[in-house]
Protein backbone atom coordinates (compact mmCIF):
# COMPACT_ATOMS: atom_id res chain seq x y z
CA UNK A 1 19.71 6.57 11.43
CA UNK A 2 21.48 4.25 9.04
CA UNK A 3 19.29 1.20 8.44
CA UNK A 4 20.39 -0.82 5.46
CA UNK A 5 17.83 0.17 2.92
CA UNK A 6 17.15 -0.09 -0.76
CA UNK A 7 15.56 3.32 -1.36
CA UNK A 8 13.10 2.95 -4.17
CA UNK A 9 11.76 6.15 -5.66
CA UNK A 10 8.24 5.50 -6.80
CA UNK A 11 6.55 7.37 -9.59
CA UNK A 12 3.51 5.27 -10.38
CA UNK A 13 1.76 5.09 -13.72
CA UNK A 14 -1.73 4.58 -14.96
CA UNK A 15 -2.58 0.96 -15.25
CA UNK A 16 -5.47 -1.21 -16.18
CA UNK A 17 -5.88 -4.89 -15.74
CA UNK A 18 -8.48 -7.56 -16.37
CA UNK A 19 -9.85 -9.44 -13.39
CA UNK A 20 -11.71 -12.70 -13.32
CA UNK A 21 -15.37 -11.98 -13.99
CA UNK A 22 -16.55 -12.91 -10.52
CA UNK A 23 -14.52 -10.00 -9.13
CA UNK A 24 -16.20 -7.37 -11.27
CA UNK A 25 -18.60 -4.79 -9.87
CA UNK A 26 -20.91 -3.15 -12.37
CA UNK A 27 -19.93 0.49 -12.74
CA UNK A 28 -22.39 3.30 -13.21
CA UNK A 29 -21.36 5.94 -15.69
CA UNK A 30 -21.81 8.87 -13.33
CA UNK A 31 -20.09 9.98 -10.18
CA UNK A 32 -16.99 11.71 -8.92
CA UNK A 33 -14.27 11.78 -6.29
CA UNK A 34 -14.48 14.78 -3.98
CA UNK A 35 -12.06 15.88 -1.26
CA UNK A 36 -13.82 16.10 2.12
CA UNK A 37 -10.92 17.38 4.20
CA UNK A 38 -7.15 17.76 4.29
CA UNK A 39 -5.05 17.30 7.40
CA UNK A 40 -1.56 17.23 8.89
CA UNK A 41 -0.30 15.47 11.97
CA UNK A 42 0.00 18.20 14.65
CA UNK A 43 3.39 19.88 14.90
CA UNK A 44 5.50 22.28 12.88
CA UNK A 45 7.14 20.89 9.76
CA UNK A 46 5.60 17.41 9.84
CA UNK A 47 5.18 15.54 6.56
CA UNK A 48 1.93 13.53 6.68
CA UNK A 49 1.54 10.24 4.82
CA UNK A 50 -1.79 8.42 5.39
CA UNK A 51 -1.77 4.68 4.66
CA UNK A 52 -5.10 2.88 5.28
CA UNK A 53 -8.68 3.66 6.30
CA UNK A 54 -11.16 1.40 8.10
CA UNK A 55 -14.97 1.36 7.96
CA UNK A 56 -15.18 3.71 10.94
CA UNK A 57 -13.25 6.32 9.00
CA UNK A 58 -10.13 6.00 11.16
CA UNK A 59 -6.91 6.56 9.20
CA UNK A 60 -3.55 5.04 10.08
CA UNK A 61 -0.44 6.62 8.71
CA UNK A 62 3.10 7.89 9.02
CA UNK A 63 4.49 11.32 9.78
CA UNK A 64 8.06 12.50 9.42
CA UNK A 65 9.10 15.38 11.66
CA UNK A 66 11.60 18.15 11.00
CA UNK A 67 14.41 15.97 12.39
CA UNK A 68 13.59 13.17 9.89
CA UNK A 69 12.22 10.97 12.69
CA UNK A 70 9.44 8.69 11.41
CA UNK A 71 6.44 7.82 13.58
CA UNK A 72 3.07 6.16 13.12
CA UNK A 73 -0.27 7.76 13.97
CA UNK A 74 -4.03 7.24 13.88
CA UNK A 75 -6.39 10.03 12.87
CA UNK A 76 -9.73 9.05 14.35
CA UNK A 77 -13.00 9.64 12.54
CA UNK A 78 -13.78 12.64 14.81
CA UNK A 79 -10.65 14.40 13.56
CA UNK A 80 -8.54 13.82 16.69
CA UNK A 81 -5.09 12.23 16.58
CA UNK A 82 -3.38 9.54 18.60
CA UNK A 83 -0.07 10.12 20.30
CA UNK A 84 2.88 9.18 18.07
CA UNK A 85 3.10 5.40 17.64
CA UNK A 86 6.58 4.22 18.59
CA UNK A 87 7.46 0.55 18.80
CA UNK A 88 9.33 -0.19 22.07
CA UNK A 89 12.15 -1.80 20.09
CA UNK A 90 12.59 1.14 17.70
CA UNK A 91 16.09 2.37 18.51
CA UNK A 92 16.71 4.49 15.41
CA UNK A 93 13.64 6.74 15.11
CA UNK A 94 11.69 4.78 12.52
CA UNK A 95 8.20 3.36 13.23
CA UNK A 96 5.45 3.20 10.59
CA UNK A 97 1.70 2.68 10.93
CA UNK A 98 0.69 0.73 7.83
CA UNK A 99 -2.68 -0.97 8.36
CA UNK A 100 -5.80 -0.67 10.52
CA UNK A 101 -8.97 -2.74 10.81
CA UNK A 102 -12.38 -2.07 12.32
CA UNK A 103 -11.29 -3.22 15.77
CA UNK A 104 -8.57 -0.54 15.54
CA UNK A 105 -5.73 -3.06 15.52
CA UNK A 106 -2.79 -1.27 13.92
CA UNK A 107 -0.18 -3.10 11.87
CA UNK A 108 3.16 -1.69 10.87
CA UNK A 109 6.93 -1.96 11.01
CA UNK A 110 9.95 -0.43 12.69
CA UNK A 111 13.72 -0.47 12.35
CA UNK A 112 15.76 -1.93 15.21
CA UNK A 113 19.42 -1.67 16.14
CA UNK A 114 20.20 -4.47 13.66
CA UNK A 115 19.29 -2.06 10.84
CA UNK A 116 16.43 -4.26 9.62
CA UNK A 117 12.67 -3.85 9.44
CA UNK A 118 10.46 -5.84 11.81
CA UNK A 119 6.68 -6.03 11.97
CA UNK A 120 4.32 -5.26 14.83
CA UNK A 121 0.66 -5.26 15.79
CA UNK A 122 -0.75 -2.73 18.26
CA UNK A 123 -4.05 -3.45 20.00
CA UNK A 124 -5.37 -1.98 23.25
CA UNK A 125 -2.08 -0.24 23.88
CA UNK A 126 -0.10 -3.50 23.66
CA UNK A 127 2.57 -4.12 21.01
CA UNK A 128 3.06 -7.63 19.62
CA UNK A 129 6.22 -8.09 17.60
CA UNK A 130 6.02 -10.08 14.36
CA UNK A 131 8.59 -11.53 11.96
CA UNK A 132 7.90 -14.02 9.20
CA UNK A 133 9.54 -17.28 10.38
CA UNK A 134 13.13 -17.46 9.10
CA UNK A 135 13.08 -13.87 7.83
CA UNK A 136 15.79 -11.32 8.47
CA UNK A 137 13.43 -8.45 7.68
CA UNK A 138 9.63 -8.20 7.84
CA UNK A 139 7.19 -5.43 6.94
CA UNK A 140 3.46 -5.71 7.73
CA UNK A 141 1.57 -3.51 5.25
CA UNK A 142 -2.12 -4.36 5.66
CA UNK A 143 -4.60 -6.13 7.95
CA UNK A 144 -8.27 -7.01 7.43
CA UNK A 145 -11.10 -7.38 9.91
CA UNK A 146 -10.46 -11.07 10.68
CA UNK A 147 -6.75 -10.32 11.22
CA UNK A 148 -5.48 -11.76 7.94
CA UNK A 149 -2.51 -9.64 6.92
CA UNK A 150 -0.02 -8.95 4.13
CA UNK A 151 3.46 -7.57 3.68
CA UNK A 152 6.98 -8.27 2.47
CA UNK A 153 10.04 -10.04 3.86
CA UNK A 154 13.59 -11.08 3.05
CA UNK A 155 15.16 -14.38 4.07
CA UNK A 156 18.68 -13.23 3.14
CA UNK A 157 18.57 -14.45 -0.45
CA UNK A 158 18.58 -10.89 -1.80
CA UNK A 159 15.04 -11.23 -3.17
CA UNK A 160 12.24 -9.53 -1.26
CA UNK A 161 9.08 -11.62 -1.32
CA UNK A 162 5.46 -10.79 -0.70
CA UNK A 163 3.44 -12.81 1.74
CA UNK A 164 -0.14 -13.26 2.90
CA UNK A 165 -1.28 -14.72 6.21
CA UNK A 166 -4.81 -16.17 6.02
CA UNK A 167 -6.18 -17.94 9.06
CA UNK A 168 -2.66 -18.15 10.47
CA UNK A 169 -1.21 -19.86 7.38
CA UNK A 170 1.58 -17.87 5.73
CA UNK A 171 2.11 -18.13 1.99
CA UNK A 172 4.97 -16.34 0.24
CA UNK A 173 5.12 -15.34 -3.41
CA UNK A 174 7.23 -13.36 -5.86
CA UNK A 175 6.74 -12.07 -9.36
CA UNK A 176 9.37 -13.91 -11.48
CA UNK A 177 12.55 -11.89 -11.90
CA UNK A 178 11.44 -9.21 -9.44
CA UNK A 179 13.89 -7.71 -6.97
CA UNK A 180 11.08 -6.81 -4.61
CA UNK A 181 7.44 -7.94 -4.31
CA UNK A 182 5.18 -6.10 -1.85
CA UNK A 183 1.68 -7.22 -0.81
CA UNK A 184 -0.12 -4.07 0.36
CA UNK A 185 -3.61 -5.19 1.27
CA UNK A 186 -6.06 -8.10 1.36
CA UNK A 187 -9.80 -7.49 1.50
CA UNK A 188 -12.23 -9.17 3.91
CA UNK A 189 -13.51 -11.59 1.28
CA UNK A 190 -9.91 -12.71 0.59
CA UNK A 191 -10.72 -12.45 -3.09
CA UNK A 192 -7.84 -10.19 -3.90
CA UNK A 193 -4.39 -9.06 -2.77
CA UNK A 194 -2.96 -5.94 -4.41
CA UNK A 195 0.55 -4.56 -4.45
CA UNK A 196 3.49 -3.86 -6.69
CA UNK A 197 6.83 -5.33 -7.64
CA UNK A 198 10.16 -3.90 -8.78
CA UNK A 199 11.68 -5.54 -11.84
CA UNK A 200 15.37 -6.18 -12.52
CA UNK A 201 15.69 -2.67 -14.00
CA UNK A 202 14.38 -1.08 -10.82
CA UNK A 203 10.99 -0.19 -12.32
CA UNK A 204 7.83 -0.72 -10.23
CA UNK A 205 4.71 -2.29 -11.72
CA UNK A 206 1.36 -3.20 -10.22
CA UNK A 207 0.10 -6.75 -9.80
CA UNK A 208 -2.80 -8.56 -8.20
CA UNK A 209 -3.08 -12.03 -6.67
CA UNK A 210 -6.46 -13.69 -7.03
CA UNK A 211 -8.25 -16.07 -4.66
CA UNK A 212 -6.69 -19.07 -6.42
CA UNK A 213 -3.17 -17.77 -5.75
CA UNK A 214 -2.47 -16.75 -9.35
CA UNK A 215 -0.41 -13.60 -9.90
CA UNK A 216 -1.44 -11.26 -12.72
CA UNK A 217 1.27 -8.90 -13.98
CA UNK A 218 2.47 -6.43 -15.17
CA UNK A 219 -0.33 -3.92 -14.75
CA UNK A 220 0.69 -1.25 -17.24
CA UNK A 221 -1.10 0.58 -20.07
CA UNK A 222 0.58 1.88 -23.20
CA UNK A 223 2.82 4.87 -22.50
CA UNK A 224 3.20 4.06 -18.83
CA UNK A 225 6.32 4.61 -16.75
CA UNK A 226 5.73 2.76 -13.46
CA UNK A 227 2.70 1.63 -11.47
CA UNK A 228 1.72 1.10 -7.83
CA UNK A 229 -1.39 -0.46 -6.29
CA UNK A 230 -1.98 0.32 -2.62
CA UNK A 231 -5.50 -0.45 -1.40
CA UNK A 232 -8.89 -1.99 -2.13
CA UNK A 233 -12.30 -2.66 -0.61
CA UNK A 234 -14.76 -5.57 -0.62
CA UNK A 235 -16.30 -4.28 -3.86
CA UNK A 236 -12.87 -4.87 -5.42
CA UNK A 237 -12.48 -1.15 -6.09
CA UNK A 238 -8.73 -0.57 -6.23
CA UNK A 239 -6.74 2.62 -5.64
CA UNK A 240 -3.13 3.62 -6.21
CA UNK A 241 -1.17 6.11 -8.24
CA UNK A 242 0.54 6.48 -11.61
CA UNK A 243 2.95 8.81 -13.39
CA UNK A 244 2.36 9.99 -16.92
CA UNK A 245 5.07 10.31 -19.53
CA UNK A 246 5.92 13.82 -18.33
CA UNK A 247 6.58 12.52 -14.81
CA UNK A 248 3.47 13.98 -13.15
CA UNK A 249 1.97 11.66 -10.52
CA UNK A 250 -1.81 11.21 -10.31
CA UNK A 251 -4.18 9.30 -8.09
CA UNK A 252 -5.84 6.24 -9.60
CA UNK A 253 -9.28 4.70 -9.05
CA UNK A 254 -9.82 1.37 -10.80
CA UNK A 255 -12.81 -0.90 -11.35
CA UNK A 256 -12.21 -4.39 -12.74
CA UNK A 257 -12.02 -5.65 -15.32
CA UNK A 258 -10.63 -2.70 -17.32
CA UNK A 259 -11.97 0.64 -16.15
CA UNK A 260 -10.03 3.49 -14.58
CA UNK A 261 -10.40 7.07 -13.41
CA UNK A 262 -7.70 9.67 -12.69
CA UNK A 263 -7.94 12.03 -9.73
CA UNK A 264 -5.75 14.96 -8.66
CA UNK A 265 -6.14 17.04 -5.52
CA UNK A 266 -6.68 20.59 -6.82
CA UNK A 267 -3.45 22.60 -6.76
CA UNK A 268 -1.25 19.59 -6.04
CA UNK A 269 1.90 18.50 -7.82
CA UNK A 270 1.53 14.87 -6.69
CA UNK A 271 -1.55 12.84 -5.69
CA UNK A 272 -1.65 9.30 -4.30
CA UNK A 273 -4.80 7.35 -3.40
CA UNK A 274 -3.67 4.92 -0.71
CA UNK A 275 -6.79 3.08 0.47
CA UNK A 276 -10.57 2.91 0.09
CA UNK A 277 -13.24 1.49 2.39
CA UNK A 278 -16.61 -0.05 1.53
CA UNK A 279 -18.38 3.27 2.05
CA UNK A 280 -16.24 4.84 -0.66
CA UNK A 281 -14.06 6.89 1.68
CA UNK A 282 -10.52 7.26 0.36
CA UNK A 283 -7.41 8.27 2.29
CA UNK A 284 -4.36 9.54 0.48
CA UNK A 285 -1.70 12.17 0.33
CA UNK A 286 -0.76 15.05 -1.89
CA UNK A 287 2.26 17.32 -2.31
CA UNK A 288 1.75 21.06 -2.54
CA UNK A 289 3.75 23.57 -4.57
CA UNK A 290 6.25 23.99 -1.74
CA UNK A 291 7.02 20.26 -1.70
CA UNK A 292 5.25 19.45 1.59
CA UNK A 293 3.17 16.26 1.94
CA UNK A 294 -0.32 16.45 3.41
CA UNK A 295 -3.07 13.94 4.10
CA UNK A 296 -6.59 14.06 2.72
CA UNK A 297 -9.86 12.16 2.89
CA UNK A 298 -12.05 12.01 -0.19
CA UNK A 299 -15.37 10.39 -1.00
CA UNK A 300 -16.49 8.47 -4.06
CA UNK A 301 -19.94 9.69 -5.03
CA UNK A 302 -21.73 7.27 -7.30
CA UNK A 303 -19.06 5.64 -9.43
CA UNK A 304 -16.53 7.88 -11.19
CA UNK A 305 -16.91 7.96 -14.98
CA UNK A 306 -14.31 5.32 -15.77
CA UNK A 307 -12.85 4.71 -19.19
CA UNK A 308 -12.38 1.28 -20.72
CA UNK A 309 -8.85 0.27 -21.53
CA UNK A 310 -9.66 -0.94 -25.02
CA UNK A 311 -6.61 -1.77 -27.09
CA UNK A 312 -4.29 0.29 -24.89
CA UNK A 313 -3.86 -2.52 -22.40
CA UNK A 314 -0.59 -4.41 -22.45
CA UNK A 315 -0.68 -8.20 -22.11
CA UNK A 316 -0.09 -9.65 -18.65
CA UNK A 317 1.03 -12.96 -17.28
CA UNK A 318 -1.03 -15.06 -14.90
CA UNK A 319 0.75 -17.71 -12.83
CA UNK A 320 0.27 -19.51 -9.57
CA UNK A 321 3.50 -18.67 -7.75
CA UNK A 322 3.09 -19.58 -4.09
CA UNK A 323 6.44 -20.71 -2.69
CA UNK A 324 7.44 -22.22 0.63
CA UNK A 325 9.24 -20.06 3.15
CA UNK A 326 13.02 -20.33 3.18
CA UNK A 327 14.18 -20.66 6.80
CA UNK A 328 17.78 -19.59 6.09
CA UNK A 329 18.44 -16.28 7.94
CA UNK A 330 21.40 -14.39 6.48
CA UNK A 331 22.29 -10.72 6.24
CA UNK A 332 20.49 -8.52 3.70
CA UNK A 333 19.91 -4.89 2.76
CA UNK A 334 16.58 -3.65 4.15
CA UNK A 335 13.80 -2.36 1.91
CA UNK A 336 11.73 0.78 2.32
CA UNK A 337 8.41 0.34 0.52
CA UNK A 338 6.74 3.24 -1.24
CA UNK A 339 4.32 5.25 0.89
């Protein structure tokens, strides 16, 4: 497989960011995150990378087999697994399951013979292909219960833009100066879109887009290296991952406007919290001492004892940056988002 890709190695850092007051949920000062179960997609040598979790407790994700073939999957709430998800137009062995809603519609992307990413939706066993109009490449990264969705695309300009589709209306946006902007998830209230961007130096940083379309960035505390935001729920609890100054990657639980909590799977060398539902169930992945990736489901009990950012928080910009779609389709190098 040789899709044209910009391979972006993500080591995400602790971040904190202020949200508009109406987004804030009051946080109790007691609670914890506890691992309920770990899992791997069936088969020898598979690397398991969960992506999103719905209110049923179904998890959509990606597994990579021993031949480096990438496939999507669903782990249902009873612990059973779907057959590998393979888009009919995947000709190179690369299909990803990226989002799932309560109706079990799966969103994702695949690589075709043109070497570019294209989006899809899978419902009732039927695939529906999706590309942002005028785009050469499209990734669909998240879908909510009313079928609003988010992702990233390129129109051939060399800049990868984020987009959100709400009620069928697509709006694109980019953090100024970013090489890549990814929109990972939108919640059911449409209050918030979370994701990350890669700056001109190739460093990822978190951002959020509020209900008014304003982008808030960068989301970095003092001493940070890089940051990634992946998922959120309707309480505006946000999850992601960060790397400390020694390069160790930790899971991140965040409560607006400026509270955070770090979580590591015991015995892991890498922990990423990838999504959270309204019941406080978290899906994520961890890497063990041998370097293998595994999935896990954890539960938030109460509210973890978050710490206020105080003076550690770096300033951020807030701008309304919605831009019209550029219909010019020209060749580009495909992007592989962090997982």
